[in-house]
């Protein structure tokens, strides 16, 4: 999907990835920088699950299939390391605790397999258990954490831990307490109360998405933050896609220069043309009586520029000439005087 590729490219920038780690994992404290991060293969960082090949006419043969993370980095903390993953979610995944657990477990298994190979190559002085299991008493794994960035419009109503997915009906409380739990690190972007802990354009992305359903607050945000005047192109794309603003996607090239995009200019132009909240979200509302606003504004533009006569424009929208003139006037378009 386009959004998946876009978000992976955006957070592949190590300065942004480090900003997520500092902002979320370190409570805003600037602990790591982009130079503390090193790439990891998102595929090798998960557990291989044997599955049978299906629909190939070769049933019975096994292959290794992989659950692949969106992004993962090995992160230096002084002399130690942690493995940090990012998962981008536009929809609610009700199996998220189990999915996230499989990512983290797979990474621990990958590390353990590496330790086992090393231990068995240098087997002198090992106890029987150390040699048999390939893990010494002082062997240690790097900590693993996964941050789930959720952009959906609906509040997350899925489980936030493994226990929330389990059926404990009839299970004694004493036994339930012995069932290990696993908690996910979910960041609900649209319901963040504060973004001051972020110091890259991650902040501008999160802020725009947070206010994307409040046109007046959004206008104040963009016009009050000079960073929106010179956004990197991938930052603009993230904002346009995850705020579901088709109009911002369409007008990007008109406001792009030397690899940066002026969102202040783009948004102001949309507001001046009467494209408020419904148009920012690509939705048809109110006076357009269920018709696509995008189509309506294309007709307005065509009539204003003289490409359509007023009669043809009204016919295109299935409304009267008088109603079309009223709508164009209210939306700030000029009605040409026909000879």
C-alpha atoms as a PDB file:
ATOM      1  CA  UNK A   1       0.000   0.000   0.000  1.00  0.00           C
ATOM      2  CA  UNK A   2       1.113   3.555  -0.740  1.00  0.00           C
ATOM      3  CA  UNK A   3       0.763   4.658   2.899  1.00  0.00           C
ATOM      4  CA  UNK A   4       2.877   1.764   4.149  1.00  0.00           C
ATOM      5  CA  UNK A   5       5.701   2.559   1.746  1.00  0.00           C
ATOM      6  CA  UNK A   6       5.439   6.269   2.502  1.00  0.00           C
ATOM      7  CA  UNK A   7       5.637   5.834   6.279  1.00  0.00           C
ATOM      8  CA  UNK A   8       8.519   3.371   6.010  1.00  0.00           C
ATOM      9  CA  UNK A   9      10.452   5.833   3.866  1.00  0.00           C
ATOM     10  CA  UNK A  10       9.676   8.701   6.246  1.00  0.00           C
ATOM     11  CA  UNK A  11      10.848   6.940   9.412  1.00  0.00           C
ATOM     12  CA  UNK A  12      13.816   5.380   7.631  1.00  0.00           C
ATOM     13  CA  UNK A  13      15.459   8.743   8.219  1.00  0.00           C
ATOM     14  CA  UNK A  14      17.542   8.043  11.329  1.00  0.00           C
ATOM     15  CA  UNK A  15      17.023  11.508  12.818  1.00  0.00           C
ATOM     16  CA  UNK A  16      13.259  10.930  12.808  1.00  0.00           C
ATOM     17  CA  UNK A  17      13.631   7.400  14.132  1.00  0.00           C
ATOM     18  CA  UNK A  18      15.814   8.721  16.960  1.00  0.00           C
ATOM     19  CA  UNK A  19      13.183  11.408  17.628  1.00  0.00           C
ATOM     20  CA  UNK A  20      10.557   8.693  18.113  1.00  0.00           C
ATOM     21  CA  UNK A  21      12.839   6.817  20.512  1.00  0.00           C
ATOM     22  CA  UNK A  22      13.635   9.951  22.526  1.00  0.00           C
ATOM     23  CA  UNK A  23      10.114  11.379  22.443  1.00  0.00           C
ATOM     24  CA  UNK A  24       8.268   8.192  23.324  1.00  0.00           C
ATOM     25  CA  UNK A  25      10.784   5.815  24.876  1.00  0.00           C
ATOM     26  CA  UNK A  26      12.829   8.385  26.817  1.00  0.00           C
ATOM     27  CA  UNK A  27      10.002  10.793  27.804  1.00  0.00           C
ATOM     28  CA  UNK A  28      11.411  13.601  25.660  1.00  0.00           C
ATOM     29  CA  UNK A  29      14.956  13.381  26.975  1.00  0.00           C
ATOM     30  CA  UNK A  30      17.528  13.592  24.171  1.00  0.00           C
ATOM     31  CA  UNK A  31      19.347  10.328  24.831  1.00  0.00           C
ATOM     32  CA  UNK A  32      20.150   8.983  21.354  1.00  0.00           C
ATOM     33  CA  UNK A  33      21.046  10.638  18.058  1.00  0.00           C
ATOM     34  CA  UNK A  34      20.903   9.453  14.468  1.00  0.00           C
ATOM     35  CA  UNK A  35      24.525   8.274  14.708  1.00  0.00           C
ATOM     36  CA  UNK A  36      23.541   5.814  17.461  1.00  0.00           C
ATOM     37  CA  UNK A  37      21.298   3.869  15.086  1.00  0.00           C
ATOM     38  CA  UNK A  38      22.270   1.075  12.723  1.00  0.00           C
ATOM     39  CA  UNK A  39      20.119  -0.740  10.183  1.00  0.00           C
ATOM     40  CA  UNK A  40      18.727  -4.206  10.734  1.00  0.00           C
ATOM     41  CA  UNK A  41      17.015  -6.469   8.253  1.00  0.00           C
ATOM     42  CA  UNK A  42      13.315  -6.269   9.081  1.00  0.00           C
ATOM     43  CA  UNK A  43      12.900  -9.838   7.902  1.00  0.00           C
ATOM     44  CA  UNK A  44      15.720 -11.521   9.802  1.00  0.00           C
ATOM     45  CA  UNK A  45      14.506  -9.878  12.994  1.00  0.00           C
ATOM     46  CA  UNK A  46      11.502 -12.186  13.215  1.00  0.00           C
ATOM     47  CA  UNK A  47      10.862 -15.815  13.972  1.00  0.00           C
ATOM     48  CA  UNK A  48      10.638 -18.225  11.052  1.00  0.00           C
ATOM     49  CA  UNK A  49       7.343 -20.098  11.027  1.00  0.00           C
ATOM     50  CA  UNK A  50       7.240 -23.327   8.964  1.00  0.00           C
ATOM     51  CA  UNK A  51       4.212 -23.458   6.701  1.00  0.00           C
ATOM     52  CA  UNK A  52       3.052 -25.716   3.902  1.00  0.00           C
ATOM     53  CA  UNK A  53       3.057 -24.297   0.422  1.00  0.00           C
ATOM     54  CA  UNK A  54      -0.518 -24.080  -0.780  1.00  0.00           C
ATOM     55  CA  UNK A  55      -2.079 -23.691  -4.195  1.00  0.00           C
ATOM     56  CA  UNK A  56       1.166 -24.563  -5.962  1.00  0.00           C
ATOM     57  CA  UNK A  57       0.582 -28.234  -6.694  1.00  0.00           C
ATOM     58  CA  UNK A  58       3.535 -29.076  -4.432  1.00  0.00           C
ATOM     59  CA  UNK A  59       1.784 -29.749  -1.137  1.00  0.00           C
ATOM     60  CA  UNK A  60       3.952 -31.304   1.519  1.00  0.00           C
ATOM     61  CA  UNK A  61       7.035 -29.174   0.873  1.00  0.00           C
ATOM     62  CA  UNK A  62       7.898 -26.775   3.648  1.00  0.00           C
ATOM     63  CA  UNK A  63       9.314 -23.334   3.382  1.00  0.00           C
ATOM     64  CA  UNK A  64      10.217 -20.560   5.802  1.00  0.00           C
ATOM     65  CA  UNK A  65       7.758 -17.689   5.892  1.00  0.00           C
ATOM     66  CA  UNK A  66       8.445 -14.472   7.742  1.00  0.00           C
ATOM     67  CA  UNK A  67       6.497 -11.864   9.645  1.00  0.00           C
ATOM     68  CA  UNK A  68       8.157  -8.640   8.647  1.00  0.00           C
ATOM     69  CA  UNK A  69       8.397  -5.519  10.803  1.00  0.00           C
ATOM     70  CA  UNK A  70       7.828  -2.090   9.294  1.00  0.00           C
ATOM     71  CA  UNK A  71      11.117  -0.716  10.654  1.00  0.00           C
ATOM     72  CA  UNK A  72      13.728  -1.833  13.162  1.00  0.00           C
ATOM     73  CA  UNK A  73      17.002  -0.314  14.351  1.00  0.00           C
ATOM     74  CA  UNK A  74      19.811  -1.439  16.623  1.00  0.00           C
ATOM     75  CA  UNK A  75      20.254   1.502  18.961  1.00  0.00           C
ATOM     76  CA  UNK A  76      23.336   2.291  21.030  1.00  0.00           C
ATOM     77  CA  UNK A  77      22.894   3.414  24.644  1.00  0.00           C
ATOM     78  CA  UNK A  78      26.462   4.028  25.771  1.00  0.00           C
ATOM     79  CA  UNK A  79      28.162   0.613  25.747  1.00  0.00           C
ATOM     80  CA  UNK A  80      24.868  -1.267  25.506  1.00  0.00           C
ATOM     81  CA  UNK A  81      22.259  -1.690  22.769  1.00  0.00           C
ATOM     82  CA  UNK A  82      18.494  -2.056  22.425  1.00  0.00           C
ATOM     83  CA  UNK A  83      16.489  -3.187  19.416  1.00  0.00           C
ATOM     84  CA  UNK A  84      13.688  -0.727  18.613  1.00  0.00           C
ATOM     85  CA  UNK A  85      10.886  -1.396  16.142  1.00  0.00           C
ATOM     86  CA  UNK A  86       8.225   0.902  14.684  1.00  0.00           C
ATOM     87  CA  UNK A  87       4.870  -0.316  13.380  1.00  0.00           C
ATOM     88  CA  UNK A  88       2.529   2.060  11.523  1.00  0.00           C
ATOM     89  CA  UNK A  89      -1.198   1.383  11.863  1.00  0.00           C
ATOM     90  CA  UNK A  90      -3.971   3.174   9.994  1.00  0.00           C
ATOM     91  CA  UNK A  91      -6.603   0.661  11.103  1.00  0.00           C
ATOM     92  CA  UNK A  92      -7.241  -1.167  14.370  1.00  0.00           C
ATOM     93  CA  UNK A  93      -5.688  -4.627  14.510  1.00  0.00           C
ATOM     94  CA  UNK A  94      -7.463  -6.535  17.267  1.00  0.00           C
ATOM     95  CA  UNK A  95      -4.647  -9.093  17.290  1.00  0.00           C
ATOM     96  CA  UNK A  96      -1.991  -6.422  17.843  1.00  0.00           C
ATOM     97  CA  UNK A  97      -0.693  -7.688  21.222  1.00  0.00           C
ATOM     98  CA  UNK A  98      -0.066 -11.137  19.736  1.00  0.00           C
ATOM     99  CA  UNK A  99       1.427  -9.679  16.566  1.00  0.00           C
ATOM    100  CA  UNK A 100       3.765  -7.369  18.474  1.00  0.00           C
ATOM    101  CA  UNK A 101       4.728 -10.192  20.819  1.00  0.00           C
ATOM    102  CA  UNK A 102       5.690 -12.342  17.825  1.00  0.00           C
ATOM    103  CA  UNK A 103       7.950  -9.561  16.516  1.00  0.00           C
ATOM    104  CA  UNK A 104       9.726  -9.179  19.850  1.00  0.00           C
ATOM    105  CA  UNK A 105       9.945 -12.917  20.491  1.00  0.00           C
ATOM    106  CA  UNK A 106      11.334 -13.440  17.003  1.00  0.00           C
ATOM    107  CA  UNK A 107      14.054 -10.872  17.637  1.00  0.00           C
ATOM    108  CA  UNK A 108      15.011 -12.516  20.941  1.00  0.00           C
ATOM    109  CA  UNK A 109      15.145 -15.877  19.149  1.00  0.00           C
ATOM    110  CA  UNK A 110      17.404 -14.377  16.480  1.00  0.00           C
ATOM    111  CA  UNK A 111      19.786 -13.081  19.147  1.00  0.00           C
ATOM    112  CA  UNK A 112      19.714 -16.391  21.032  1.00  0.00           C
ATOM    113  CA  UNK A 113      20.516 -18.333  17.861  1.00  0.00           C
ATOM    114  CA  UNK A 114      23.572 -16.158  17.327  1.00  0.00           C
ATOM    115  CA  UNK A 115      24.693 -16.750  20.927  1.00  0.00           C
ATOM    116  CA  UNK A 116      24.218 -20.505  20.552  1.00  0.00           C
ATOM    117  CA  UNK A 117      26.435 -20.614  17.476  1.00  0.00           C
ATOM    118  CA  UNK A 118      29.138 -18.682  19.309  1.00  0.00           C
ATOM    119  CA  UNK A 119      28.921 -20.785  22.480  1.00  0.00           C
ATOM    120  CA  UNK A 120      29.208 -24.078  20.646  1.00  0.00           C
ATOM    121  CA  UNK A 121      32.218 -22.874  18.678  1.00  0.00           C
ATOM    122  CA  UNK A 122      34.008 -22.198  21.975  1.00  0.00           C
ATOM    123  CA  UNK A 123      32.776 -25.081  24.114  1.00  0.00           C
ATOM    124  CA  UNK A 124      35.696 -25.479  26.499  1.00  0.00           C
ATOM    125  CA  UNK A 125      34.837 -24.995  30.155  1.00  0.00           C
ATOM    126  CA  UNK A 126      31.089 -25.162  29.606  1.00  0.00           C
ATOM    127  CA  UNK A 127      28.760 -26.982  31.958  1.00  0.00           C
ATOM    128  CA  UNK A 128      26.595 -29.751  30.539  1.00  0.00           C
ATOM    129  CA  UNK A 129      23.520 -27.515  30.404  1.00  0.00           C
ATOM    130  CA  UNK A 130      25.443 -24.626  28.833  1.00  0.00           C
ATOM    131  CA  UNK A 131      26.734 -26.853  26.060  1.00  0.00           C
ATOM    132  CA  UNK A 132      23.422 -28.676  25.532  1.00  0.00           C
ATOM    133  CA  UNK A 133      21.331 -25.530  25.261  1.00  0.00           C
ATOM    134  CA  UNK A 134      24.011 -23.273  23.833  1.00  0.00           C
ATOM    135  CA  UNK A 135      23.427 -20.564  26.411  1.00  0.00           C
ATOM    136  CA  UNK A 136      25.849 -19.669  29.179  1.00  0.00           C
ATOM    137  CA  UNK A 137      25.003 -18.428  32.633  1.00  0.00           C
ATOM    138  CA  UNK A 138      26.252 -14.936  31.780  1.00  0.00           C
ATOM    139  CA  UNK A 139      24.813 -14.814  28.226  1.00  0.00           C
ATOM    140  CA  UNK A 140      22.572 -11.786  27.773  1.00  0.00           C
ATOM    141  CA  UNK A 141      20.106 -10.577  25.130  1.00  0.00           C
ATOM    142  CA  UNK A 142      19.625  -6.987  24.015  1.00  0.00           C
ATOM    143  CA  UNK A 143      16.276  -5.477  25.153  1.00  0.00           C
ATOM    144  CA  UNK A 144      13.596  -5.198  22.472  1.00  0.00           C
ATOM    145  CA  UNK A 145      10.778  -2.621  22.276  1.00  0.00           C
ATOM    146  CA  UNK A 146       8.178  -1.988  19.588  1.00  0.00           C
ATOM    147  CA  UNK A 147       6.353   1.343  19.198  1.00  0.00           C
ATOM    148  CA  UNK A 148       2.986   1.187  17.432  1.00  0.00           C
ATOM    149  CA  UNK A 149       2.017   4.485  15.796  1.00  0.00           C
ATOM    150  CA  UNK A 150      -1.753   4.530  15.256  1.00  0.00           C
ATOM    151  CA  UNK A 151      -3.206   7.180  12.900  1.00  0.00           C
ATOM    152  CA  UNK A 152      -6.853   6.046  12.715  1.00  0.00           C
ATOM    153  CA  UNK A 153      -9.824   8.365  13.172  1.00  0.00           C
ATOM    154  CA  UNK A 154     -11.610   5.976  15.534  1.00  0.00           C
ATOM    155  CA  UNK A 155     -10.208   5.672  19.079  1.00  0.00           C
ATOM    156  CA  UNK A 156      -8.308   2.435  19.589  1.00  0.00           C
ATOM    157  CA  UNK A 157     -10.721  -0.005  21.233  1.00  0.00           C
ATOM    158  CA  UNK A 158      -8.587  -3.126  20.869  1.00  0.00           C
ATOM    159  CA  UNK A 159      -6.657  -4.886  23.613  1.00  0.00           C
ATOM    160  CA  UNK A 160      -3.541  -3.153  24.900  1.00  0.00           C
ATOM    161  CA  UNK A 161      -2.037  -6.319  26.316  1.00  0.00           C
ATOM    162  CA  UNK A 162      -2.105 -10.067  25.785  1.00  0.00           C
ATOM    163  CA  UNK A 163      -4.470 -10.620  28.730  1.00  0.00           C
ATOM    164  CA  UNK A 164      -7.020  -8.481  26.884  1.00  0.00           C
ATOM    165  CA  UNK A 165      -7.120 -11.114  24.139  1.00  0.00           C
ATOM    166  CA  UNK A 166      -7.471 -14.130  26.445  1.00  0.00           C
ATOM    167  CA  UNK A 167     -10.653 -15.823  27.567  1.00  0.00           C
ATOM    168  CA  UNK A 168     -10.307 -16.127  31.351  1.00  0.00           C
ATOM    169  CA  UNK A 169     -13.898 -17.223  31.945  1.00  0.00           C
ATOM    170  CA  UNK A 170     -13.947 -19.856  34.676  1.00  0.00           C
ATOM    171  CA  UNK A 171     -10.173 -19.645  35.209  1.00  0.00           C
ATOM    172  CA  UNK A 172      -9.260 -19.293  38.923  1.00  0.00           C
ATOM    173  CA  UNK A 173      -7.786 -15.911  39.821  1.00  0.00           C
ATOM    174  CA  UNK A 174      -4.697 -17.622  41.249  1.00  0.00           C
ATOM    175  CA  UNK A 175      -4.016 -19.385  37.922  1.00  0.00           C
ATOM    176  CA  UNK A 176      -4.810 -16.262  35.927  1.00  0.00           C
ATOM    177  CA  UNK A 177      -2.080 -14.419  37.847  1.00  0.00           C
ATOM    178  CA  UNK A 178       0.400 -17.011  36.601  1.00  0.00           C
ATOM    179  CA  UNK A 179      -0.403 -16.423  32.924  1.00  0.00           C
ATOM    180  CA  UNK A 180       2.346 -14.139  31.638  1.00  0.00           C
ATOM    181  CA  UNK A 181       1.140 -10.875  30.160  1.00  0.00           C
ATOM    182  CA  UNK A 182       2.591  -8.694  27.394  1.00  0.00           C
ATOM    183  CA  UNK A 183       1.787  -4.989  26.989  1.00  0.00           C
ATOM    184  CA  UNK A 184       1.969  -3.077  23.702  1.00  0.00           C
ATOM    185  CA  UNK A 185       3.358   0.454  23.352  1.00  0.00           C
ATOM    186  CA  UNK A 186       0.539   2.177  21.447  1.00  0.00           C
ATOM    187  CA  UNK A 187       0.732   5.864  20.477  1.00  0.00           C
ATOM    188  CA  UNK A 188      -2.681   7.143  19.362  1.00  0.00           C
ATOM    189  CA  UNK A 189      -1.558  10.097  17.205  1.00  0.00           C
ATOM    190  CA  UNK A 190      -4.924  11.870  16.864  1.00  0.00           C
ATOM    191  CA  UNK A 191      -5.432  11.873  20.611  1.00  0.00           C
ATOM    192  CA  UNK A 192      -1.979  13.017  21.717  1.00  0.00           C
ATOM    193  CA  UNK A 193      -2.267  15.865  24.203  1.00  0.00           C
ATOM    194  CA  UNK A 194       1.268  17.162  23.713  1.00  0.00           C
ATOM    195  CA  UNK A 195       3.939  16.867  21.011  1.00  0.00           C
ATOM    196  CA  UNK A 196       6.613  19.103  22.543  1.00  0.00           C
ATOM    197  CA  UNK A 197       8.807  16.047  23.162  1.00  0.00           C
ATOM    198  CA  UNK A 198       9.512  15.749  19.415  1.00  0.00           C
ATOM    199  CA  UNK A 199      12.244  17.854  17.809  1.00  0.00           C
ATOM    200  CA  UNK A 200      12.129  16.926  14.113  1.00  0.00           C
ATOM    201  CA  UNK A 201       9.371  17.290  11.527  1.00  0.00           C
ATOM    202  CA  UNK A 202       7.734  14.292  13.224  1.00  0.00           C
ATOM    203  CA  UNK A 203       6.135  17.018  15.360  1.00  0.00           C
ATOM    204  CA  UNK A 204       4.633  18.786  12.329  1.00  0.00           C
ATOM    205  CA  UNK A 205       3.270  15.499  10.978  1.00  0.00           C
ATOM    206  CA  UNK A 206       1.675  14.527  14.302  1.00  0.00           C
ATOM    207  CA  UNK A 207       0.283  18.026  14.937  1.00  0.00           C
ATOM    208  CA  UNK A 208      -1.370  18.313  11.527  1.00  0.00           C
ATOM    209  CA  UNK A 209      -2.967  14.878  11.878  1.00  0.00           C
ATOM    210  CA  UNK A 210      -4.142  15.748  15.417  1.00  0.00           C
ATOM    211  CA  UNK A 211      -5.979  18.879  14.235  1.00  0.00           C
ATOM    212  CA  UNK A 212      -7.008  17.710  10.751  1.00  0.00           C
ATOM    213  CA  UNK A 213     -10.690  17.552  11.723  1.00  0.00           C
ATOM    214  CA  UNK A 214     -10.756  21.078  13.189  1.00  0.00           C
ATOM    215  CA  UNK A 215     -10.289  23.549  10.271  1.00  0.00           C
ATOM    216  CA  UNK A 216      -9.834  26.663  12.421  1.00  0.00           C
ATOM    217  CA  UNK A 217      -7.341  25.034  14.796  1.00  0.00           C
ATOM    218  CA  UNK A 218      -5.542  23.570  11.786  1.00  0.00           C
ATOM    219  CA  UNK A 219      -5.271  26.961  10.124  1.00  0.00           C
ATOM    220  CA  UNK A 220      -3.863  28.521  13.305  1.00  0.00           C
ATOM    221  CA  UNK A 221      -1.400  25.660  13.655  1.00  0.00           C
ATOM    222  CA  UNK A 222      -0.034  25.891  10.136  1.00  0.00           C
ATOM    223  CA  UNK A 223       0.117  29.692   9.963  1.00  0.00           C
ATOM    224  CA  UNK A 224       1.645  29.863  13.442  1.00  0.00           C
ATOM    225  CA  UNK A 225       4.474  27.401  12.815  1.00  0.00           C
ATOM    226  CA  UNK A 226       7.100  28.569  10.316  1.00  0.00           C
ATOM    227  CA  UNK A 227       8.220  24.968   9.781  1.00  0.00           C
ATOM    228  CA  UNK A 228       5.157  24.381   7.599  1.00  0.00           C
ATOM    229  CA  UNK A 229       6.480  26.884   5.052  1.00  0.00           C
ATOM    230  CA  UNK A 230       9.425  24.653   4.137  1.00  0.00           C
ATOM    231  CA  UNK A 231       8.429  21.022   4.574  1.00  0.00           C
ATOM    232  CA  UNK A 232      10.480  18.214   3.108  1.00  0.00           C
ATOM    233  CA  UNK A 233       8.500  16.573   0.333  1.00  0.00           C
ATOM    234  CA  UNK A 234       8.155  13.260   2.178  1.00  0.00           C
ATOM    235  CA  UNK A 235       6.922  15.149   5.257  1.00  0.00           C
ATOM    236  CA  UNK A 236       4.251  16.879   3.183  1.00  0.00           C
ATOM    237  CA  UNK A 237       3.288  13.532   1.661  1.00  0.00           C
ATOM    238  CA  UNK A 238       2.944  11.939   5.113  1.00  0.00           C
ATOM    239  CA  UNK A 239       0.690  14.792   6.241  1.00  0.00           C
ATOM    240  CA  UNK A 240      -1.478  14.704   3.120  1.00  0.00           C
ATOM    241  CA  UNK A 241      -1.897  10.919   3.124  1.00  0.00           C
ATOM    242  CA  UNK A 242      -2.456  10.317   6.824  1.00  0.00           C
ATOM    243  CA  UNK A 243      -4.786  13.301   7.255  1.00  0.00           C
ATOM    244  CA  UNK A 244      -6.691  11.914   4.242  1.00  0.00           C
ATOM    245  CA  UNK A 245      -6.527  15.194   2.354  1.00  0.00           C
ATOM    246  CA  UNK A 246      -6.843  14.467  -1.346  1.00  0.00           C
ATOM    247  CA  UNK A 247      -6.774  18.185  -2.119  1.00  0.00           C
ATOM    248  CA  UNK A 248      -3.343  18.609  -0.511  1.00  0.00           C
ATOM    249  CA  UNK A 249      -2.083  15.714  -2.618  1.00  0.00           C
ATOM    250  CA  UNK A 250      -3.447  17.333  -5.764  1.00  0.00           C
ATOM    251  CA  UNK A 251      -1.988  20.814  -5.183  1.00  0.00           C
ATOM    252  CA  UNK A 252       1.460  19.783  -3.949  1.00  0.00           C
ATOM    253  CA  UNK A 253       3.292  20.464  -7.200  1.00  0.00           C
ATOM    254  CA  UNK A 254       1.968  24.042  -7.296  1.00  0.00           C
ATOM    255  CA  UNK A 255       3.634  24.816  -3.965  1.00  0.00           C
ATOM    256  CA  UNK A 256       6.867  22.870  -4.326  1.00  0.00           C
ATOM    257  CA  UNK A 257      10.218  24.502  -4.975  1.00  0.00           C
ATOM    258  CA  UNK A 258      13.747  23.136  -4.641  1.00  0.00           C
ATOM    259  CA  UNK A 259      12.551  19.955  -2.938  1.00  0.00           C
ATOM    260  CA  UNK A 260      10.493  21.647  -0.214  1.00  0.00           C
ATOM    261  CA  UNK A 261       6.775  22.387  -0.066  1.00  0.00           C
ATOM    262  CA  UNK A 262       5.062  25.464   1.387  1.00  0.00           C
ATOM    263  CA  UNK A 263       2.075  23.998   3.227  1.00  0.00           C
ATOM    264  CA  UNK A 264       1.067  27.426   4.561  1.00  0.00           C
ATOM    265  CA  UNK A 265       0.505  28.607   1.015  1.00  0.00           C
ATOM    266  CA  UNK A 266      -1.214  25.377  -0.025  1.00  0.00           C
ATOM    267  CA  UNK A 267      -3.583  25.339   2.940  1.00  0.00           C
ATOM    268  CA  UNK A 268      -4.337  29.065   2.723  1.00  0.00           C
ATOM    269  CA  UNK A 269      -5.250  28.691  -0.937  1.00  0.00           C
ATOM    270  CA  UNK A 270      -7.610  25.843  -0.146  1.00  0.00           C
ATOM    271  CA  UNK A 271      -9.248  27.868   2.618  1.00  0.00           C
ATOM    272  CA  UNK A 272      -9.625  30.888   0.334  1.00  0.00           C
ATOM    273  CA  UNK A 273     -11.349  28.665  -2.190  1.00  0.00           C
ATOM    274  CA  UNK A 274     -13.792  27.533   0.461  1.00  0.00           C
ATOM    275  CA  UNK A 275     -12.271  24.103   0.921  1.00  0.00           C
ATOM    276  CA  UNK A 276     -12.883  23.608   4.616  1.00  0.00           C
ATOM    277  CA  UNK A 277     -12.906  20.503   6.797  1.00  0.00           C
ATOM    278  CA  UNK A 278     -15.000  18.321   4.507  1.00  0.00           C
ATOM    279  CA  UNK A 279     -12.770  19.067   1.526  1.00  0.00           C
ATOM    280  CA  UNK A 280      -9.598  18.531   3.559  1.00  0.00           C
ATOM    281  CA  UNK A 281     -10.884  15.051   4.296  1.00  0.00           C
ATOM    282  CA  UNK A 282     -12.091  14.422   0.741  1.00  0.00           C
ATOM    283  CA  UNK A 283     -15.691  14.104   1.881  1.00  0.00           C
ATOM    284  CA  UNK A 284     -18.895  15.407   0.378  1.00  0.00           C
ATOM    285  CA  UNK A 285     -21.014  17.364   2.841  1.00  0.00           C
ATOM    286  CA  UNK A 286     -23.831  19.853   3.303  1.00  0.00           C
ATOM    287  CA  UNK A 287     -24.804  21.868   0.319  1.00  0.00           C
ATOM    288  CA  UNK A 288     -23.377  19.529  -2.278  1.00  0.00           C
ATOM    289  CA  UNK A 289     -26.075  17.055  -1.163  1.00  0.00           C
ATOM    290  CA  UNK A 290     -23.947  13.941  -1.269  1.00  0.00           C
ATOM    291  CA  UNK A 291     -22.095  14.696  -4.520  1.00  0.00           C
ATOM    292  CA  UNK A 292     -18.309  14.658  -4.636  1.00  0.00           C
ATOM    293  CA  UNK A 293     -16.940  18.052  -3.624  1.00  0.00           C
ATOM    294  CA  UNK A 294     -13.933  17.412  -5.792  1.00  0.00           C
ATOM    295  CA  UNK A 295     -16.185  17.082  -8.833  1.00  0.00           C
ATOM    296  CA  UNK A 296     -18.162  20.193  -7.859  1.00  0.00           C
ATOM    297  CA  UNK A 297     -15.044  22.311  -7.549  1.00  0.00           C
ATOM    298  CA  UNK A 298     -13.750  21.044 -10.869  1.00  0.00           C
ATOM    299  CA  UNK A 299     -16.987  22.315 -12.432  1.00  0.00           C
ATOM    300  CA  UNK A 300     -16.675  25.667 -10.613  1.00  0.00           C
ATOM    301  CA  UNK A 301     -13.139  26.051 -11.948  1.00  0.00           C
ATOM    302  CA  UNK A 302     -14.216  25.128 -15.487  1.00  0.00           C
ATOM    303  CA  UNK A 303     -17.087  27.630 -15.471  1.00  0.00           C
ATOM    304  CA  UNK A 304     -14.894  30.391 -14.022  1.00  0.00           C
ATOM    305  CA  UNK A 305     -12.192  29.777 -16.643  1.00  0.00           C
ATOM    306  CA  UNK A 306     -14.720  29.646 -19.466  1.00  0.00           C
ATOM    307  CA  UNK A 307     -14.133  25.977 -20.289  1.00  0.00           C
ATOM    308  CA  UNK A 308     -17.791  25.250 -19.425  1.00  0.00           C
ATOM    309  CA  UNK A 309     -20.769  27.486 -20.038  1.00  0.00           C
ATOM    310  CA  UNK A 310     -22.925  28.134 -16.973  1.00  0.00           C
ATOM    311  CA  UNK A 311     -25.596  25.919 -18.551  1.00  0.00           C
ATOM    312  CA  UNK A 312     -23.188  23.039 -19.078  1.00  0.00           C
ATOM    313  CA  UNK A 313     -21.823  23.373 -15.538  1.00  0.00           C
ATOM    314  CA  UNK A 314     -25.316  23.184 -14.069  1.00  0.00           C
ATOM    315  CA  UNK A 315     -26.057  20.154 -16.236  1.00  0.00           C
ATOM    316  CA  UNK A 316     -22.855  18.441 -15.056  1.00  0.00           C
ATOM    317  CA  UNK A 317     -23.945  18.756 -11.426  1.00  0.00           C
ATOM    318  CA  UNK A 318     -27.621  18.107 -12.075  1.00  0.00           C
ATOM    319  CA  UNK A 319     -28.740  21.403 -10.543  1.00  0.00           C
ATOM    320  CA  UNK A 320     -30.313  24.629 -11.801  1.00  0.00           C
ATOM    321  CA  UNK A 321     -28.278  27.527 -13.219  1.00  0.00           C
ATOM    322  CA  UNK A 322     -29.430  29.737 -10.344  1.00  0.00           C
ATOM    323  CA  UNK A 323     -28.313  27.185  -7.747  1.00  0.00           C
ATOM    324  CA  UNK A 324     -24.905  26.792  -9.436  1.00  0.00           C
ATOM    325  CA  UNK A 325     -24.414  30.571  -9.471  1.00  0.00           C
ATOM    326  CA  UNK A 326     -25.296  30.762  -5.763  1.00  0.00           C
ATOM    327  CA  UNK A 327     -22.887  27.970  -4.849  1.00  0.00           C
ATOM    328  CA  UNK A 328     -20.045  29.428  -6.895  1.00  0.00           C
ATOM    329  CA  UNK A 329     -20.564  32.848  -5.330  1.00  0.00           C
ATOM    330  CA  UNK A 330     -20.584  31.419  -1.801  1.00  0.00           C
ATOM    331  CA  UNK A 331     -17.411  29.422  -2.532  1.00  0.00           C
ATOM    332  CA  UNK A 332     -15.617  32.543  -3.776  1.00  0.00           C
ATOM    333  CA  UNK A 333     -15.622  31.771  -7.499  1.00  0.00           C
ATOM    334  CA  UNK A 334     -16.336  34.336 -10.204  1.00  0.00           C
ATOM    335  CA  UNK A 335     -19.197  33.802 -12.614  1.00  0.00           C
ATOM    336  CA  UNK A 336     -18.159  34.970 -16.092  1.00  0.00           C
ATOM    337  CA  UNK A 337     -20.398  37.429 -17.891  1.00  0.00           C
ATOM    338  CA  UNK A 338     -21.457  35.761 -21.129  1.00  0.00           C
ATOM    339  CA  UNK A 339     -21.608  37.862 -24.254  1.00  0.00           C
END
